[in-house]
Amino acid sequence: MSEDRPKLTTPDQSTKILMHSCCAPCAGDVMNEVTRSGIEYEVLFYNPNIHPVREYELRKNENKRHADKLGVGFVDLDYDKDNWFERVKGFEMEPERGHRCTLCFDMRFERSALYAVENGYSVFTSTLGTSRWKDINQINGCGERAAARYDGLSYWTHNWRKKGGAQRMIEISKDENFYQQEYCGCVYSLRDTNAHRKATGRDPIKFGENYYGQENTESDS
């Protein structure tokens, strides 16, 4: 029961944060927990890595749907994919969790940190670390590095997977019938995921077809 869990507190005890979000499944429990804790927040959707644009819109719209349900502000920044491709140029063949991912997180968090400072936030965090496929230390390092660019700004490194968070993520996704993405998001993860699927006799990814609550609940994101 949520009543048995202590309420969350931010690093500087503030009652307002900026929440960078990557997608609805990763954000669902984080949003619910922050709301339950009485912390005011705004969701920032800045993910120019997501490819193709159809997938970007699917993920964004599912995230906004949950934000609207909770009455939370939702900001969609520019889909500046050209800048993202330039940022990761030369690292196209890096494996998942490699240096390309660090560059990707850096770009997204630098923009999030700037938005936080421009809009009066002293703390920002991200839902990226919710996924078991991500390296949480890699993510936290990028977040802290982005925050260090500004005086008075900190990145909240809370581990959203712990204390039942990983299980609640699945439960909430099923309850809300969130769109279930099947790869991390970028064109290179799509390439590698489809190559793995082909090697194991599976069909390539089909966009917009799988939702939590259906029989298949195993995600590659």
N, C-alpha and C. Protein backbone atom coordinates (compact mmCIF):
# COMPACT_ATOMS: atom_id res chain seq x y z
N MET A 1 0.84 -1.19 0.00
CA MET A 1 0.00 0.00 0.00
C MET A 1 0.88 1.24 0.00
N SER A 2 0.47 2.28 -0.73
CA SER A 2 1.26 3.51 -0.80
C SER A 2 1.37 4.18 0.55
N GLU A 3 0.35 3.96 1.43
CA GLU A 3 0.37 4.60 2.74
C GLU A 3 1.51 4.08 3.61
N ASP A 4 2.02 2.89 3.30
CA ASP A 4 3.10 2.29 4.07
C ASP A 4 4.48 2.80 3.65
N ARG A 5 4.57 3.49 2.53
CA ARG A 5 5.84 3.99 2.05
C ARG A 5 6.02 5.44 2.49
N PRO A 6 7.22 5.79 2.97
CA PRO A 6 7.44 7.18 3.36
C PRO A 6 7.39 8.09 2.15
N LYS A 7 7.00 9.31 2.36
CA LYS A 7 6.96 10.27 1.26
C LYS A 7 8.38 10.64 0.86
N LEU A 8 8.54 10.95 -0.39
CA LEU A 8 9.84 11.31 -0.92
C LEU A 8 10.21 12.74 -0.51
N THR A 9 11.50 12.97 -0.37
CA THR A 9 12.01 14.32 -0.12
C THR A 9 13.11 14.62 -1.13
N THR A 10 13.14 15.81 -1.66
CA THR A 10 14.12 16.20 -2.66
C THR A 10 15.47 16.50 -2.01
N PRO A 11 16.55 16.53 -2.79
CA PRO A 11 17.88 16.77 -2.22
C PRO A 11 18.01 18.05 -1.41
N ASP A 12 17.31 19.10 -1.83
CA ASP A 12 17.43 20.37 -1.10
C ASP A 12 16.16 20.70 -0.32
N GLN A 13 15.30 19.67 -0.14
CA GLN A 13 14.05 19.81 0.61
C GLN A 13 13.04 20.73 -0.07
N SER A 14 13.27 21.06 -1.33
CA SER A 14 12.32 21.90 -2.05
C SER A 14 11.07 21.09 -2.36
N THR A 15 9.99 21.78 -2.64
CA THR A 15 8.72 21.11 -2.92
C THR A 15 8.33 21.26 -4.39
N LYS A 16 9.34 21.54 -5.24
CA LYS A 16 9.07 21.70 -6.67
C LYS A 16 10.26 21.18 -7.46
N ILE A 17 10.01 20.33 -8.45
CA ILE A 17 11.09 19.81 -9.29
C ILE A 17 10.68 19.79 -10.75
N LEU A 18 11.69 19.67 -11.61
CA LEU A 18 11.47 19.43 -13.03
C LEU A 18 11.78 17.96 -13.29
N MET A 19 10.89 17.28 -13.98
CA MET A 19 11.06 15.86 -14.25
C MET A 19 11.23 15.62 -15.74
N HIS A 20 12.46 15.30 -16.15
CA HIS A 20 12.66 14.88 -17.53
C HIS A 20 12.07 13.47 -17.67
N SER A 21 11.28 13.26 -18.69
CA SER A 21 10.65 11.96 -18.90
C SER A 21 10.99 11.42 -20.28
N CYS A 22 11.24 10.11 -20.32
CA CYS A 22 11.55 9.46 -21.59
C CYS A 22 10.34 8.79 -22.22
N CYS A 23 9.40 8.33 -21.39
CA CYS A 23 8.22 7.63 -21.89
C CYS A 23 7.26 7.37 -20.74
N ALA A 24 6.03 7.03 -21.09
CA ALA A 24 5.01 6.81 -20.07
C ALA A 24 5.30 5.61 -19.17
N PRO A 25 5.71 4.45 -19.69
CA PRO A 25 5.97 3.32 -18.79
C PRO A 25 7.03 3.63 -17.74
N CYS A 26 8.12 4.27 -18.14
CA CYS A 26 9.17 4.61 -17.18
C CYS A 26 8.72 5.72 -16.23
N ALA A 27 7.83 6.57 -16.69
CA ALA A 27 7.42 7.72 -15.89
C ALA A 27 6.25 7.46 -14.97
N GLY A 28 5.43 6.45 -15.29
CA GLY A 28 4.17 6.27 -14.57
C GLY A 28 4.30 6.22 -13.07
N ASP A 29 5.14 5.32 -12.56
CA ASP A 29 5.29 5.19 -11.11
C ASP A 29 6.00 6.40 -10.52
N VAL A 30 6.99 6.93 -11.23
CA VAL A 30 7.70 8.12 -10.74
C VAL A 30 6.73 9.28 -10.56
N MET A 31 5.90 9.50 -11.55
CA MET A 31 4.92 10.57 -11.47
C MET A 31 3.95 10.34 -10.31
N ASN A 32 3.49 9.11 -10.17
CA ASN A 32 2.56 8.80 -9.08
C ASN A 32 3.20 9.01 -7.72
N GLU A 33 4.46 8.58 -7.57
CA GLU A 33 5.15 8.70 -6.29
C GLU A 33 5.44 10.16 -5.93
N VAL A 34 5.86 10.92 -6.91
CA VAL A 34 6.12 12.35 -6.65
C VAL A 34 4.82 13.07 -6.32
N THR A 35 3.76 12.74 -7.04
CA THR A 35 2.45 13.32 -6.74
C THR A 35 2.00 12.95 -5.33
N ARG A 36 2.16 11.67 -4.97
CA ARG A 36 1.78 11.19 -3.64
C ARG A 36 2.55 11.90 -2.54
N SER A 37 3.77 12.30 -2.85
CA SER A 37 4.63 12.93 -1.85
C SER A 37 4.38 14.43 -1.72
N GLY A 38 3.45 14.95 -2.51
CA GLY A 38 3.11 16.36 -2.39
C GLY A 38 4.14 17.29 -3.00
N ILE A 39 4.96 16.76 -3.91
CA ILE A 39 5.97 17.57 -4.58
C ILE A 39 5.41 18.09 -5.90
N GLU A 40 5.47 19.39 -6.08
CA GLU A 40 5.00 19.99 -7.32
C GLU A 40 6.03 19.72 -8.42
N TYR A 41 5.57 19.39 -9.61
CA TYR A 41 6.51 19.12 -10.69
C TYR A 41 5.89 19.36 -12.05
N GLU A 42 6.77 19.46 -13.02
CA GLU A 42 6.40 19.61 -14.42
C GLU A 42 7.17 18.56 -15.20
N VAL A 43 6.51 17.94 -16.16
CA VAL A 43 7.15 16.92 -16.98
C VAL A 43 7.75 17.58 -18.21
N LEU A 44 9.02 17.29 -18.45
CA LEU A 44 9.71 17.81 -19.63
C LEU A 44 10.01 16.66 -20.58
N PHE A 45 9.45 16.72 -21.77
CA PHE A 45 9.69 15.68 -22.77
C PHE A 45 10.67 16.22 -23.80
N TYR A 46 11.91 15.82 -23.65
CA TYR A 46 12.96 16.23 -24.59
C TYR A 46 13.76 14.98 -24.94
N ASN A 47 13.43 14.37 -26.06
CA ASN A 47 14.02 13.10 -26.47
C ASN A 47 14.23 13.06 -27.97
N PRO A 48 15.15 13.89 -28.48
CA PRO A 48 15.37 13.94 -29.93
C PRO A 48 16.04 12.69 -30.49
N ASN A 49 16.40 11.76 -29.61
CA ASN A 49 16.98 10.49 -30.04
C ASN A 49 15.95 9.54 -30.63
N ILE A 50 14.68 9.71 -30.27
CA ILE A 50 13.66 8.72 -30.66
C ILE A 50 13.43 8.74 -32.17
N HIS A 51 13.47 7.59 -32.77
CA HIS A 51 13.34 7.43 -34.21
C HIS A 51 12.46 6.21 -34.50
N PRO A 52 11.58 6.32 -35.50
CA PRO A 52 11.27 7.47 -36.35
C PRO A 52 10.30 8.42 -35.65
N VAL A 53 9.88 9.45 -36.36
CA VAL A 53 9.02 10.46 -35.74
C VAL A 53 7.69 9.85 -35.29
N ARG A 54 7.22 8.83 -35.99
CA ARG A 54 5.96 8.18 -35.57
C ARG A 54 6.11 7.61 -34.17
N GLU A 55 7.26 6.98 -33.90
CA GLU A 55 7.51 6.42 -32.57
C GLU A 55 7.63 7.54 -31.54
N TYR A 56 8.26 8.63 -31.94
CA TYR A 56 8.38 9.79 -31.05
C TYR A 56 7.01 10.29 -30.62
N GLU A 57 6.11 10.43 -31.57
CA GLU A 57 4.77 10.93 -31.27
C GLU A 57 4.00 9.95 -30.39
N LEU A 58 4.15 8.65 -30.64
CA LEU A 58 3.47 7.65 -29.82
C LEU A 58 3.92 7.75 -28.36
N ARG A 59 5.20 7.82 -28.15
CA ARG A 59 5.72 7.88 -26.78
C ARG A 59 5.34 9.19 -26.10
N LYS A 60 5.46 10.27 -26.83
CA LYS A 60 5.11 11.57 -26.26
C LYS A 60 3.64 11.63 -25.87
N ASN A 61 2.77 11.20 -26.75
CA ASN A 61 1.34 11.30 -26.50
C ASN A 61 0.89 10.42 -25.33
N GLU A 62 1.50 9.25 -25.18
CA GLU A 62 1.18 8.40 -24.03
C GLU A 62 1.62 9.06 -22.73
N ASN A 63 2.78 9.70 -22.76
CA ASN A 63 3.28 10.39 -21.57
C ASN A 63 2.38 11.57 -21.21
N LYS A 64 1.97 12.32 -22.23
CA LYS A 64 1.09 13.47 -21.99
C LYS A 64 -0.27 13.02 -21.47
N ARG A 65 -0.72 11.89 -21.95
CA ARG A 65 -2.02 11.36 -21.49
C ARG A 65 -2.01 11.14 -19.98
N HIS A 66 -0.93 10.58 -19.46
CA HIS A 66 -0.86 10.35 -18.02
C HIS A 66 -0.68 11.66 -17.26
N ALA A 67 0.08 12.57 -17.82
CA ALA A 67 0.25 13.88 -17.18
C ALA A 67 -1.09 14.61 -17.09
N ASP A 68 -1.85 14.54 -18.16
CA ASP A 68 -3.17 15.18 -18.16
C ASP A 68 -4.08 14.54 -17.11
N LYS A 69 -3.99 13.23 -16.98
CA LYS A 69 -4.81 12.53 -15.99
C LYS A 69 -4.49 12.99 -14.57
N LEU A 70 -3.20 13.25 -14.30
CA LEU A 70 -2.78 13.68 -12.97
C LEU A 70 -2.85 15.20 -12.79
N GLY A 71 -3.17 15.91 -13.87
CA GLY A 71 -3.24 17.37 -13.79
C GLY A 71 -1.86 18.01 -13.68
N VAL A 72 -0.88 17.40 -14.34
CA VAL A 72 0.51 17.87 -14.27
C VAL A 72 0.89 18.57 -15.57
N GLY A 73 1.65 19.64 -15.46
CA GLY A 73 2.11 20.35 -16.64
C GLY A 73 3.03 19.49 -17.49
N PHE A 74 2.92 19.63 -18.80
CA PHE A 74 3.70 18.81 -19.73
C PHE A 74 4.31 19.72 -20.79
N VAL A 75 5.64 19.69 -20.90
CA VAL A 75 6.34 20.54 -21.85
C VAL A 75 7.00 19.67 -22.91
N ASP A 76 6.71 19.94 -24.16
CA ASP A 76 7.30 19.21 -25.27
C ASP A 76 8.27 20.14 -25.98
N LEU A 77 9.57 19.90 -25.82
CA LEU A 77 10.56 20.73 -26.50
C LEU A 77 10.77 20.25 -27.93
N ASP A 78 11.53 21.02 -28.68
CA ASP A 78 11.72 20.73 -30.10
C ASP A 78 12.30 19.34 -30.34
N TYR A 79 11.86 18.73 -31.40
CA TYR A 79 12.38 17.43 -31.83
C TYR A 79 13.60 17.69 -32.73
N ASP A 80 14.69 18.15 -32.11
CA ASP A 80 15.85 18.55 -32.91
C ASP A 80 16.77 17.36 -33.17
N LYS A 81 16.26 16.45 -33.96
CA LYS A 81 16.99 15.21 -34.25
C LYS A 81 18.29 15.45 -35.00
N ASP A 82 18.36 16.50 -35.81
CA ASP A 82 19.59 16.77 -36.55
C ASP A 82 20.74 17.06 -35.59
N ASN A 83 20.46 17.81 -34.53
CA ASN A 83 21.49 18.08 -33.52
C ASN A 83 21.90 16.79 -32.80
N TRP A 84 20.93 15.92 -32.58
CA TRP A 84 21.23 14.64 -31.91
C TRP A 84 22.16 13.80 -32.78
N PHE A 85 21.85 13.69 -34.08
CA PHE A 85 22.71 12.91 -34.97
C PHE A 85 24.12 13.49 -35.03
N GLU A 86 24.24 14.79 -34.98
CA GLU A 86 25.56 15.42 -34.98
C GLU A 86 26.29 15.12 -33.68
N ARG A 87 25.55 15.10 -32.58
CA ARG A 87 26.14 14.87 -31.27
C ARG A 87 26.76 13.45 -31.18
N VAL A 88 26.10 12.47 -31.75
CA VAL A 88 26.57 11.08 -31.61
C VAL A 88 27.36 10.60 -32.83
N LYS A 89 27.66 11.51 -33.74
CA LYS A 89 28.38 11.15 -34.95
C LYS A 89 29.71 10.49 -34.60
N GLY A 90 30.00 9.39 -35.27
CA GLY A 90 31.23 8.66 -35.03
C GLY A 90 31.08 7.51 -34.04
N PHE A 91 29.90 7.45 -33.39
CA PHE A 91 29.67 6.40 -32.39
C PHE A 91 28.46 5.53 -32.76
N GLU A 92 28.20 5.46 -34.06
CA GLU A 92 27.04 4.73 -34.53
C GLU A 92 27.08 3.24 -34.20
N MET A 93 28.26 2.69 -34.06
CA MET A 93 28.39 1.25 -33.83
C MET A 93 28.62 0.91 -32.36
N GLU A 94 28.53 1.88 -31.49
CA GLU A 94 28.68 1.62 -30.06
C GLU A 94 27.56 0.70 -29.57
N PRO A 95 27.85 -0.18 -28.63
CA PRO A 95 26.80 -1.03 -28.07
C PRO A 95 25.91 -0.25 -27.12
N GLU A 96 24.77 -0.81 -26.81
CA GLU A 96 23.88 -0.22 -25.81
C GLU A 96 24.63 -0.06 -24.49
N ARG A 97 24.43 1.08 -23.83
CA ARG A 97 25.10 1.47 -22.60
C ARG A 97 26.53 1.95 -22.83
N GLY A 98 26.93 2.06 -24.09
CA GLY A 98 28.26 2.54 -24.42
C GLY A 98 28.33 4.06 -24.45
N HIS A 99 29.39 4.58 -25.08
CA HIS A 99 29.63 6.03 -25.05
C HIS A 99 28.56 6.80 -25.81
N ARG A 100 27.98 6.19 -26.84
CA ARG A 100 26.91 6.88 -27.56
C ARG A 100 25.75 7.21 -26.62
N CYS A 101 25.43 6.31 -25.72
CA CYS A 101 24.36 6.55 -24.76
C CYS A 101 24.72 7.69 -23.81
N THR A 102 26.00 7.74 -23.41
CA THR A 102 26.44 8.85 -22.56
C THR A 102 26.25 10.18 -23.28
N LEU A 103 26.64 10.25 -24.53
CA LEU A 103 26.47 11.47 -25.30
C LEU A 103 24.99 11.84 -25.43
N CYS A 104 24.16 10.83 -25.61
CA CYS A 104 22.72 11.04 -25.73
C CYS A 104 22.13 11.59 -24.43
N PHE A 105 22.48 10.97 -23.30
CA PHE A 105 21.99 11.44 -22.01
C PHE A 105 22.50 12.85 -21.72
N ASP A 106 23.77 13.09 -22.04
CA ASP A 106 24.34 14.43 -21.82
C ASP A 106 23.52 15.49 -22.55
N MET A 107 23.20 15.24 -23.80
CA MET A 107 22.45 16.21 -24.59
C MET A 107 21.08 16.47 -23.99
N ARG A 108 20.40 15.42 -23.61
CA ARG A 108 19.04 15.58 -23.09
C ARG A 108 19.04 16.26 -21.72
N PHE A 109 20.02 15.93 -20.90
CA PHE A 109 20.09 16.52 -19.57
C PHE A 109 20.61 17.95 -19.59
N GLU A 110 21.49 18.27 -20.51
CA GLU A 110 21.96 19.65 -20.62
C GLU A 110 20.79 20.58 -20.97
N ARG A 111 19.94 20.10 -21.87
CA ARG A 111 18.76 20.92 -22.24
C ARG A 111 17.77 20.98 -21.08
N SER A 112 17.62 19.89 -20.35
CA SER A 112 16.73 19.87 -19.19
C SER A 112 17.24 20.81 -18.11
N ALA A 113 18.55 20.79 -17.88
CA ALA A 113 19.14 21.67 -16.86
C ALA A 113 18.92 23.13 -17.23
N LEU A 114 19.10 23.46 -18.49
CA LEU A 114 18.88 24.84 -18.93
C LEU A 114 17.43 25.25 -18.71
N TYR A 115 16.50 24.38 -19.07
CA TYR A 115 15.08 24.69 -18.86
C TYR A 115 14.80 24.87 -17.37
N ALA A 116 15.40 24.03 -16.54
CA ALA A 116 15.18 24.13 -15.10
C ALA A 116 15.62 25.49 -14.57
N VAL A 117 16.80 25.91 -14.97
CA VAL A 117 17.33 27.20 -14.51
C VAL A 117 16.47 28.35 -15.02
N GLU A 118 16.08 28.28 -16.27
CA GLU A 118 15.29 29.35 -16.87
C GLU A 118 13.89 29.46 -16.25
N ASN A 119 13.44 28.38 -15.63
CA ASN A 119 12.07 28.37 -15.10
C ASN A 119 12.01 28.21 -13.58
N GLY A 120 13.09 28.51 -12.92
CA GLY A 120 13.07 28.61 -11.46
C GLY A 120 13.11 27.33 -10.67
N TYR A 121 13.62 26.25 -11.27
CA TYR A 121 13.75 24.99 -10.55
C TYR A 121 15.16 24.86 -9.98
N SER A 122 15.26 24.35 -8.77
CA SER A 122 16.57 24.09 -8.17
C SER A 122 16.94 22.61 -8.23
N VAL A 123 15.98 21.77 -8.61
CA VAL A 123 16.20 20.32 -8.69
C VAL A 123 15.55 19.78 -9.96
N PHE A 124 16.27 18.91 -10.66
CA PHE A 124 15.63 18.17 -11.74
C PHE A 124 16.04 16.71 -11.64
N THR A 125 15.23 15.86 -12.22
CA THR A 125 15.49 14.42 -12.22
C THR A 125 15.03 13.86 -13.54
N SER A 126 15.18 12.55 -13.71
CA SER A 126 14.75 11.90 -14.95
C SER A 126 14.18 10.53 -14.64
N THR A 127 13.27 10.12 -15.49
CA THR A 127 12.68 8.78 -15.36
C THR A 127 13.50 7.73 -16.09
N LEU A 128 14.57 8.13 -16.77
CA LEU A 128 15.36 7.19 -17.56
C LEU A 128 15.88 6.01 -16.75
N GLY A 129 16.24 6.25 -15.50
CA GLY A 129 16.80 5.19 -14.68
C GLY A 129 15.81 4.14 -14.22
N THR A 130 14.54 4.31 -14.53
CA THR A 130 13.53 3.33 -14.13
C THR A 130 13.71 2.01 -14.87
N SER A 131 14.13 2.08 -16.11
CA SER A 131 14.25 0.88 -16.94
C SER A 131 15.41 0.01 -16.48
N ARG A 132 15.14 -1.28 -16.39
CA ARG A 132 16.19 -2.23 -16.01
C ARG A 132 17.24 -2.40 -17.09
N TRP A 133 16.96 -1.88 -18.29
CA TRP A 133 17.90 -1.99 -19.40
C TRP A 133 18.95 -0.88 -19.37
N LYS A 134 18.75 0.10 -18.50
CA LYS A 134 19.66 1.24 -18.44
C LYS A 134 20.67 1.08 -17.30
N ASP A 135 21.83 1.70 -17.47
CA ASP A 135 22.86 1.76 -16.43
C ASP A 135 22.58 3.00 -15.58
N ILE A 136 22.08 2.79 -14.38
CA ILE A 136 21.67 3.92 -13.56
C ILE A 136 22.84 4.80 -13.16
N ASN A 137 24.02 4.23 -13.01
CA ASN A 137 25.19 5.04 -12.68
C ASN A 137 25.59 5.93 -13.85
N GLN A 138 25.45 5.41 -15.05
CA GLN A 138 25.72 6.20 -16.25
C GLN A 138 24.74 7.38 -16.34
N ILE A 139 23.49 7.11 -16.08
CA ILE A 139 22.46 8.15 -16.13
C ILE A 139 22.70 9.20 -15.06
N ASN A 140 22.95 8.77 -13.83
CA ASN A 140 23.16 9.72 -12.75
C ASN A 140 24.39 10.58 -12.99
N GLY A 141 25.43 9.98 -13.55
CA GLY A 141 26.63 10.75 -13.85
C GLY A 141 26.36 11.86 -14.85
N CYS A 142 25.57 11.55 -15.86
CA CYS A 142 25.21 12.55 -16.86
C CYS A 142 24.34 13.64 -16.25
N GLY A 143 23.40 13.25 -15.38
CA GLY A 143 22.54 14.23 -14.74
C GLY A 143 23.31 15.16 -13.83
N GLU A 144 24.21 14.61 -13.04
CA GLU A 144 25.00 15.44 -12.14
C GLU A 144 25.94 16.36 -12.91
N ARG A 145 26.48 15.88 -14.01
CA ARG A 145 27.36 16.71 -14.83
C ARG A 145 26.59 17.89 -15.44
N ALA A 146 25.37 17.63 -15.88
CA ALA A 146 24.56 18.70 -16.45
C ALA A 146 24.19 19.74 -15.39
N ALA A 147 23.84 19.27 -14.19
CA ALA A 147 23.47 20.19 -13.11
C ALA A 147 24.64 21.05 -12.67
N ALA A 148 25.84 20.48 -12.72
CA ALA A 148 27.04 21.20 -12.26
C ALA A 148 27.36 22.41 -13.12
N ARG A 149 26.73 22.53 -14.27
CA ARG A 149 26.96 23.69 -15.13
C ARG A 149 26.33 24.96 -14.56
N TYR A 150 25.45 24.80 -13.56
CA TYR A 150 24.72 25.95 -13.03
C TYR A 150 24.79 25.97 -11.50
N ASP A 151 25.04 27.14 -10.97
CA ASP A 151 25.03 27.30 -9.52
C ASP A 151 23.61 27.11 -8.99
N GLY A 152 23.48 26.39 -7.90
CA GLY A 152 22.18 26.24 -7.25
C GLY A 152 21.27 25.20 -7.87
N LEU A 153 21.78 24.43 -8.83
CA LEU A 153 20.96 23.39 -9.45
C LEU A 153 21.54 22.03 -9.10
N SER A 154 20.67 21.08 -8.74
CA SER A 154 21.12 19.72 -8.44
C SER A 154 20.27 18.71 -9.19
N TYR A 155 20.89 17.55 -9.42
CA TYR A 155 20.19 16.45 -10.07
C TYR A 155 19.83 15.42 -9.00
N TRP A 156 18.57 15.03 -8.96
CA TRP A 156 18.08 14.08 -7.97
C TRP A 156 18.37 12.66 -8.45
N THR A 157 19.26 11.96 -7.76
CA THR A 157 19.70 10.62 -8.18
C THR A 157 18.89 9.49 -7.56
N HIS A 158 17.70 9.78 -7.12
CA HIS A 158 16.86 8.76 -6.48
C HIS A 158 16.74 7.53 -7.38
N ASN A 159 16.88 6.34 -6.79
CA ASN A 159 16.74 5.09 -7.54
C ASN A 159 15.27 4.69 -7.57
N TRP A 160 14.62 4.96 -8.69
CA TRP A 160 13.19 4.73 -8.81
C TRP A 160 12.83 3.25 -8.92
N ARG A 161 13.83 2.39 -9.12
CA ARG A 161 13.55 0.95 -9.24
C ARG A 161 13.33 0.30 -7.88
N LYS A 162 13.94 0.86 -6.84
CA LYS A 162 13.93 0.22 -5.53
C LYS A 162 12.60 0.37 -4.81
N LYS A 163 12.45 -0.40 -3.73
CA LYS A 163 11.26 -0.36 -2.88
C LYS A 163 9.98 -0.60 -3.68
N GLY A 164 10.07 -1.56 -4.60
CA GLY A 164 8.90 -1.96 -5.37
C GLY A 164 8.65 -1.16 -6.62
N GLY A 165 9.52 -0.19 -6.91
CA GLY A 165 9.30 0.66 -8.06
C GLY A 165 9.29 -0.07 -9.38
N ALA A 166 10.19 -1.05 -9.53
CA ALA A 166 10.26 -1.80 -10.79
C ALA A 166 8.97 -2.57 -11.04
N GLN A 167 8.41 -3.16 -9.98
CA GLN A 167 7.17 -3.90 -10.14
C GLN A 167 5.98 -2.97 -10.35
N ARG A 168 5.98 -1.85 -9.63
CA ARG A 168 4.88 -0.90 -9.82
C ARG A 168 4.89 -0.32 -11.23
N MET A 169 6.07 -0.17 -11.80
CA MET A 169 6.17 0.31 -13.17
C MET A 169 5.36 -0.58 -14.11
N ILE A 170 5.51 -1.90 -13.96
CA ILE A 170 4.78 -2.84 -14.81
C ILE A 170 3.28 -2.79 -14.50
N GLU A 171 2.95 -2.77 -13.22
CA GLU A 171 1.54 -2.77 -12.83
C GLU A 171 0.81 -1.53 -13.33
N ILE A 172 1.43 -0.37 -13.18
CA ILE A 172 0.80 0.87 -13.63
C ILE A 172 0.68 0.88 -15.15
N SER A 173 1.72 0.39 -15.83
CA SER A 173 1.67 0.35 -17.29
C SER A 173 0.52 -0.52 -17.78
N LYS A 174 0.29 -1.64 -17.09
CA LYS A 174 -0.83 -2.51 -17.45
C LYS A 174 -2.17 -1.85 -17.14
N ASP A 175 -2.25 -1.23 -15.97
CA ASP A 175 -3.50 -0.56 -15.58
C ASP A 175 -3.88 0.56 -16.54
N GLU A 176 -2.86 1.28 -17.01
CA GLU A 176 -3.10 2.41 -17.91
C GLU A 176 -3.06 2.03 -19.38
N ASN A 177 -2.73 0.75 -19.65
CA ASN A 177 -2.59 0.28 -21.05
C ASN A 177 -1.66 1.18 -21.85
N PHE A 178 -0.50 1.48 -21.25
CA PHE A 178 0.48 2.31 -21.94
C PHE A 178 1.01 1.61 -23.19
N TYR A 179 1.37 2.42 -24.17
CA TYR A 179 2.06 1.90 -25.34
C TYR A 179 3.39 1.28 -24.90
N GLN A 180 3.67 0.08 -25.41
CA GLN A 180 4.86 -0.66 -25.01
C GLN A 180 5.91 -0.62 -26.11
N GLN A 181 6.85 0.29 -25.98
CA GLN A 181 7.93 0.34 -26.96
C GLN A 181 8.82 -0.87 -26.81
N GLU A 182 9.45 -1.26 -27.91
CA GLU A 182 10.20 -2.51 -27.93
C GLU A 182 11.69 -2.32 -28.21
N TYR A 183 12.16 -1.09 -28.12
CA TYR A 183 13.59 -0.81 -28.24
C TYR A 183 13.85 0.52 -27.52
N CYS A 184 15.13 0.81 -27.28
CA CYS A 184 15.47 1.98 -26.48
C CYS A 184 14.89 3.26 -27.07
N GLY A 185 15.07 3.45 -28.38
CA GLY A 185 14.49 4.64 -28.98
C GLY A 185 15.20 5.15 -30.21
N CYS A 186 16.53 5.08 -30.24
CA CYS A 186 17.25 5.66 -31.37
C CYS A 186 17.31 4.71 -32.55
N VAL A 187 17.71 5.24 -33.69
CA VAL A 187 17.77 4.45 -34.91
C VAL A 187 18.78 3.30 -34.79
N TYR A 188 19.80 3.50 -33.97
CA TYR A 188 20.82 2.47 -33.82
C TYR A 188 20.34 1.35 -32.90
N SER A 189 19.59 1.68 -31.89
CA SER A 189 19.01 0.63 -31.05
C SER A 189 17.94 -0.14 -31.82
N LEU A 190 17.22 0.57 -32.69
CA LEU A 190 16.24 -0.09 -33.56
C LEU A 190 16.95 -1.07 -34.49
N ARG A 191 18.05 -0.62 -35.07
CA ARG A 191 18.85 -1.48 -35.95
C ARG A 191 19.32 -2.74 -35.21
N ASP A 192 19.89 -2.55 -34.04
CA ASP A 192 20.46 -3.69 -33.30
C ASP A 192 19.38 -4.62 -32.77
N THR A 193 18.25 -4.05 -32.34
CA THR A 193 17.16 -4.87 -31.84
C THR A 193 16.58 -5.73 -32.95
N ASN A 194 16.39 -5.14 -34.12
CA ASN A 194 15.85 -5.91 -35.24
C ASN A 194 16.84 -6.98 -35.72
N ALA A 195 18.13 -6.68 -35.63
CA ALA A 195 19.14 -7.68 -36.00
C ALA A 195 19.08 -8.86 -35.04
N HIS A 196 18.91 -8.57 -33.76
CA HIS A 196 18.80 -9.64 -32.77
C HIS A 196 17.52 -10.45 -33.00
N ARG A 197 16.45 -9.76 -33.31
CA ARG A 197 15.19 -10.46 -33.56
C ARG A 197 15.32 -11.39 -34.77
N LYS A 198 15.95 -10.90 -35.81
CA LYS A 198 16.12 -11.72 -37.01
C LYS A 198 16.96 -12.95 -36.69
N ALA A 199 18.00 -12.76 -35.89
CA ALA A 199 18.89 -13.87 -35.55
C ALA A 199 18.20 -14.92 -34.68
N THR A 200 17.17 -14.51 -33.97
CA THR A 200 16.46 -15.45 -33.08
C THR A 200 15.10 -15.85 -33.64
N GLY A 201 14.88 -15.55 -34.93
CA GLY A 201 13.67 -16.01 -35.60
C GLY A 201 12.42 -15.21 -35.28
N ARG A 202 12.60 -13.99 -34.80
CA ARG A 202 11.44 -13.15 -34.47
C ARG A 202 11.19 -12.13 -35.57
N ASP A 203 9.95 -11.64 -35.66
CA ASP A 203 9.60 -10.62 -36.63
C ASP A 203 10.20 -9.27 -36.22
N PRO A 204 10.46 -8.40 -37.19
CA PRO A 204 10.95 -7.06 -36.85
C PRO A 204 9.91 -6.27 -36.08
N ILE A 205 10.35 -5.22 -35.44
CA ILE A 205 9.47 -4.37 -34.64
C ILE A 205 8.39 -3.73 -35.51
N LYS A 206 7.18 -3.71 -34.99
CA LYS A 206 6.07 -3.03 -35.63
C LYS A 206 5.62 -1.90 -34.72
N PHE A 207 5.60 -0.70 -35.24
CA PHE A 207 5.30 0.46 -34.43
C PHE A 207 3.80 0.57 -34.12
N GLY A 208 3.52 0.94 -32.89
CA GLY A 208 2.15 1.27 -32.51
C GLY A 208 1.22 0.10 -32.31
N GLU A 209 1.74 -1.12 -32.14
CA GLU A 209 0.86 -2.28 -32.05
C GLU A 209 0.77 -2.87 -30.64
N ASN A 210 1.84 -2.82 -29.87
CA ASN A 210 1.84 -3.49 -28.56
C ASN A 210 1.55 -2.51 -27.42
N TYR A 211 0.67 -2.94 -26.54
CA TYR A 211 0.31 -2.14 -25.37
C TYR A 211 0.35 -3.04 -24.13
N TYR A 212 0.77 -2.46 -23.03
CA TYR A 212 0.78 -3.21 -21.77
C TYR A 212 -0.65 -3.65 -21.45
N GLY A 213 -0.72 -4.83 -20.84
CA GLY A 213 -2.03 -5.39 -20.53
C GLY A 213 -2.41 -6.47 -21.52
N GLN A 214 -1.68 -6.49 -22.68
CA GLN A 214 -1.85 -7.58 -23.61
C GLN A 214 -1.01 -8.76 -23.13
N GLU A 215 -1.06 -9.84 -23.86
CA GLU A 215 -0.35 -11.06 -23.43
C GLU A 215 1.15 -10.84 -23.35
N ASN A 216 1.74 -10.11 -24.31
CA ASN A 216 3.18 -9.87 -24.32
C ASN A 216 3.49 -8.65 -23.46
N THR A 217 4.26 -8.85 -22.39
CA THR A 217 4.62 -7.72 -21.51
C THR A 217 6.12 -7.61 -21.34
N GLU A 218 6.89 -8.22 -22.23
CA GLU A 218 8.34 -8.15 -22.16
C GLU A 218 8.82 -7.08 -23.12
N SER A 219 9.37 -6.00 -22.58
CA SER A 219 9.80 -4.88 -23.40
C SER A 219 11.30 -4.88 -23.60
N ASP A 220 11.76 -4.36 -24.73
CA ASP A 220 13.18 -4.23 -25.00
C ASP A 220 13.67 -2.82 -24.70
N SER A 221 12.87 -2.00 -24.04
CA SER A 221 13.28 -0.62 -23.77
C SER A 221 13.82 -0.48 -22.36
